[in-house]
Amino acid sequence: MDRQEILKKIEEIRREVEKDQSAIFRSKILERRFHLHPSHRGFFFKKFLNKIRKRLILEIGLILQPILDNQKEINLRFLKEIEKLKEVVSLRNTDPVKKGDDSPGQKPSGKNPG
């Protein structure tokens, strides 16, 4: 290929990319236009509604914050208990079973039941 053919091929590729990009942009614009319905309310009414929404969100956040903190503490306690239980189980699994030891699942040694 000579220089002119290479330049022509590059120009064709650029045009195809531009067409693809413009098609993508056009589809995004149409998607935004038809899927996000713009409000037909007045400017001041929109501002008023947005302020009310923000205030409600803040108040709900203040109400829920202690509940979320309490739940976080409960979750941390559960995690600590689970870690302790894992340690106990891992210690039982690693320790060899002693003959004189009363472990769960074995009959008591030397004791008369009942």
C-alpha atoms as a PDB file:
ATOM      1  CA  MET A   1       0.000   0.000   0.000  1.00  0.00           C
ATOM      2  CA  ASP A   2       1.230   3.386  -0.776  1.00  0.00           C
ATOM      3  CA  ARG A   3       0.804   6.510   1.289  1.00  0.00           C
ATOM      4  CA  GLN A   4      -2.410   7.689  -0.425  1.00  0.00           C
ATOM      5  CA  GLU A   5      -4.189   4.382   0.121  1.00  0.00           C
ATOM      6  CA  ILE A   6      -3.209   4.360   3.787  1.00  0.00           C
ATOM      7  CA  LEU A   7      -4.450   7.932   4.276  1.00  0.00           C
ATOM      8  CA  LYS A   8      -7.689   7.087   2.464  1.00  0.00           C
ATOM      9  CA  LYS A   9      -8.207   4.026   4.683  1.00  0.00           C
ATOM     10  CA  ILE A  10      -7.534   6.073   7.835  1.00  0.00           C
ATOM     11  CA  GLU A  11     -10.042   8.703   6.697  1.00  0.00           C
ATOM     12  CA  GLU A  12     -12.693   6.021   6.086  1.00  0.00           C
ATOM     13  CA  ILE A  13     -12.118   4.584   9.542  1.00  0.00           C
ATOM     14  CA  ARG A  14     -12.433   8.064  11.080  1.00  0.00           C
ATOM     15  CA  ARG A  15     -15.737   8.659   9.285  1.00  0.00           C
ATOM     16  CA  GLU A  16     -17.100   5.310  10.458  1.00  0.00           C
ATOM     17  CA  VAL A  17     -16.074   6.067  14.035  1.00  0.00           C
ATOM     18  CA  GLU A  18     -17.670   9.525  13.831  1.00  0.00           C
ATOM     19  CA  LYS A  19     -20.897   7.993  12.503  1.00  0.00           C
ATOM     20  CA  ASP A  20     -20.903   5.408  15.268  1.00  0.00           C
ATOM     21  CA  GLN A  21     -20.226   8.036  17.917  1.00  0.00           C
ATOM     22  CA  SER A  22     -22.901  10.359  16.583  1.00  0.00           C
ATOM     23  CA  ALA A  23     -25.359   7.456  16.536  1.00  0.00           C
ATOM     24  CA  ILE A  24     -24.466   6.628  20.133  1.00  0.00           C
ATOM     25  CA  PHE A  25     -24.830  10.267  21.206  1.00  0.00           C
ATOM     26  CA  ARG A  26     -28.129  10.570  19.343  1.00  0.00           C
ATOM     27  CA  SER A  27     -29.489   7.430  21.008  1.00  0.00           C
ATOM     28  CA  LYS A  28     -28.400   8.684  24.443  1.00  0.00           C
ATOM     29  CA  ILE A  29     -30.053  12.053  23.859  1.00  0.00           C
ATOM     30  CA  LEU A  30     -33.274  10.411  22.718  1.00  0.00           C
ATOM     31  CA  GLU A  31     -33.160   8.018  25.653  1.00  0.00           C
ATOM     32  CA  ARG A  32     -32.757  10.898  28.070  1.00  0.00           C
ATOM     33  CA  ARG A  33     -35.458  12.905  26.341  1.00  0.00           C
ATOM     34  CA  PHE A  34     -38.060  10.147  26.431  1.00  0.00           C
ATOM     35  CA  HIS A  35     -37.227   8.287  29.626  1.00  0.00           C
ATOM     36  CA  LEU A  36     -36.574  11.175  31.968  1.00  0.00           C
ATOM     37  CA  HIS A  37     -39.737  13.166  31.975  1.00  0.00           C
ATOM     38  CA  PRO A  38     -38.991  16.797  32.703  1.00  0.00           C
ATOM     39  CA  SER A  39     -41.180  18.487  35.222  1.00  0.00           C
ATOM     40  CA  HIS A  40     -43.779  20.836  33.823  1.00  0.00           C
ATOM     41  CA  ARG A  41     -44.172  22.687  37.098  1.00  0.00           C
ATOM     42  CA  GLY A  42     -43.199  26.278  37.619  1.00  0.00           C
ATOM     43  CA  PHE A  43     -39.686  27.293  38.617  1.00  0.00           C
ATOM     44  CA  PHE A  44     -40.558  28.437  42.154  1.00  0.00           C
ATOM     45  CA  PHE A  45     -42.751  25.417  42.795  1.00  0.00           C
ATOM     46  CA  LYS A  46     -39.832  23.132  41.805  1.00  0.00           C
ATOM     47  CA  LYS A  47     -37.532  24.958  44.228  1.00  0.00           C
ATOM     48  CA  PHE A  48     -40.117  24.658  46.985  1.00  0.00           C
ATOM     49  CA  LEU A  49     -40.566  20.912  46.398  1.00  0.00           C
ATOM     50  CA  ASN A  50     -36.810  20.308  46.323  1.00  0.00           C
ATOM     51  CA  LYS A  51     -36.376  22.096  49.659  1.00  0.00           C
ATOM     52  CA  ILE A  52     -39.158  20.013  51.204  1.00  0.00           C
ATOM     53  CA  ARG A  53     -37.589  16.809  49.843  1.00  0.00           C
ATOM     54  CA  LYS A  54     -34.163  17.722  51.215  1.00  0.00           C
ATOM     55  CA  ARG A  55     -35.629  18.539  54.608  1.00  0.00           C
ATOM     56  CA  LEU A  56     -37.559  15.266  54.749  1.00  0.00           C
ATOM     57  CA  ILE A  57     -34.443  13.306  53.815  1.00  0.00           C
ATOM     58  CA  LEU A  58     -32.438  15.013  56.558  1.00  0.00           C
ATOM     59  CA  GLU A  59     -35.146  14.391  59.162  1.00  0.00           C
ATOM     60  CA  ILE A  60     -35.483  10.737  58.188  1.00  0.00           C
ATOM     61  CA  GLY A  61     -31.697  10.424  58.377  1.00  0.00           C
ATOM     62  CA  LEU A  62     -31.734  11.881  61.899  1.00  0.00           C
ATOM     63  CA  ILE A  63     -34.472   9.459  62.926  1.00  0.00           C
ATOM     64  CA  LEU A  64     -32.770   6.397  61.452  1.00  0.00           C
ATOM     65  CA  GLN A  65     -29.211   7.171  62.577  1.00  0.00           C
ATOM     66  CA  PRO A  66     -29.580   5.858  66.182  1.00  0.00           C
ATOM     67  CA  ILE A  67     -31.287   2.726  64.865  1.00  0.00           C
ATOM     68  CA  LEU A  68     -28.463   2.133  62.390  1.00  0.00           C
ATOM     69  CA  ASP A  69     -25.837   2.741  65.084  1.00  0.00           C
ATOM     70  CA  ASN A  70     -27.586   0.276  67.395  1.00  0.00           C
ATOM     71  CA  GLN A  71     -27.731  -2.303  64.621  1.00  0.00           C
ATOM     72  CA  LYS A  72     -24.036  -1.757  63.940  1.00  0.00           C
ATOM     73  CA  GLU A  73     -23.212  -2.455  67.602  1.00  0.00           C
ATOM     74  CA  ILE A  74     -25.347  -5.603  67.527  1.00  0.00           C
ATOM     75  CA  ASN A  75     -23.582  -6.792  64.378  1.00  0.00           C
ATOM     76  CA  LEU A  76     -20.171  -6.177  65.962  1.00  0.00           C
ATOM     77  CA  ARG A  77     -21.168  -8.184  69.043  1.00  0.00           C
ATOM     78  CA  PHE A  78     -22.355 -11.043  66.838  1.00  0.00           C
ATOM     79  CA  LEU A  79     -19.068 -10.968  64.929  1.00  0.00           C
ATOM     80  CA  LYS A  80     -17.091 -11.162  68.181  1.00  0.00           C
ATOM     81  CA  GLU A  81     -19.188 -14.104  69.383  1.00  0.00           C
ATOM     82  CA  ILE A  82     -18.761 -15.892  66.053  1.00  0.00           C
ATOM     83  CA  GLU A  83     -14.989 -15.386  66.209  1.00  0.00           C
ATOM     84  CA  LYS A  84     -14.887 -16.774  69.769  1.00  0.00           C
ATOM     85  CA  LEU A  85     -16.914 -19.812  68.705  1.00  0.00           C
ATOM     86  CA  LYS A  86     -14.629 -20.386  65.715  1.00  0.00           C
ATOM     87  CA  GLU A  87     -11.592 -20.285  68.008  1.00  0.00           C
ATOM     88  CA  VAL A  88     -13.182 -22.782  70.406  1.00  0.00           C
ATOM     89  CA  VAL A  89     -14.103 -25.128  67.567  1.00  0.00           C
ATOM     90  CA  SER A  90     -10.668 -24.856  65.979  1.00  0.00           C
ATOM     91  CA  LEU A  91      -9.017 -25.580  69.357  1.00  0.00           C
ATOM     92  CA  ARG A  92     -11.212 -28.655  69.850  1.00  0.00           C
ATOM     93  CA  ASN A  93     -10.409 -29.874  66.342  1.00  0.00           C
ATOM     94  CA  THR A  94      -6.656 -29.407  66.772  1.00  0.00           C
ATOM     95  CA  ASP A  95      -6.375 -30.931  70.289  1.00  0.00           C
ATOM     96  CA  PRO A  96      -6.015 -34.735  70.303  1.00  0.00           C
ATOM     97  CA  VAL A  97      -8.787 -36.548  72.146  1.00  0.00           C
ATOM     98  CA  LYS A  98      -7.551 -37.712  75.537  1.00  0.00           C
ATOM     99  CA  LYS A  99      -8.731 -41.060  76.858  1.00  0.00           C
ATOM    100  CA  GLY A 100      -9.812 -39.739  80.247  1.00  0.00           C
ATOM    101  CA  ASP A 101     -11.452 -36.609  78.854  1.00  0.00           C
ATOM    102  CA  ASP A 102     -15.248 -36.291  78.871  1.00  0.00           C
ATOM    103  CA  SER A 103     -15.933 -34.735  75.501  1.00  0.00           C
ATOM    104  CA  PRO A 104     -19.352 -34.381  73.884  1.00  0.00           C
ATOM    105  CA  GLY A 105     -20.470 -37.455  72.008  1.00  0.00           C
ATOM    106  CA  GLN A 106     -18.601 -39.862  74.309  1.00  0.00           C
ATOM    107  CA  LYS A 107     -19.879 -41.756  77.296  1.00  0.00           C
ATOM    108  CA  PRO A 108     -18.737 -40.347  80.619  1.00  0.00           C
ATOM    109  CA  SER A 109     -15.742 -42.213  81.943  1.00  0.00           C
ATOM    110  CA  GLY A 110     -15.900 -43.517  85.492  1.00  0.00           C
ATOM    111  CA  LYS A 111     -19.242 -41.962  86.332  1.00  0.00           C
ATOM    112  CA  ASN A 112     -22.431 -43.864  86.922  1.00  0.00           C
ATOM    113  CA  PRO A 113     -25.411 -42.132  85.272  1.00  0.00           C
ATOM    114  CA  GLY A 114     -28.522 -41.781  87.234  1.00  0.00           C
END
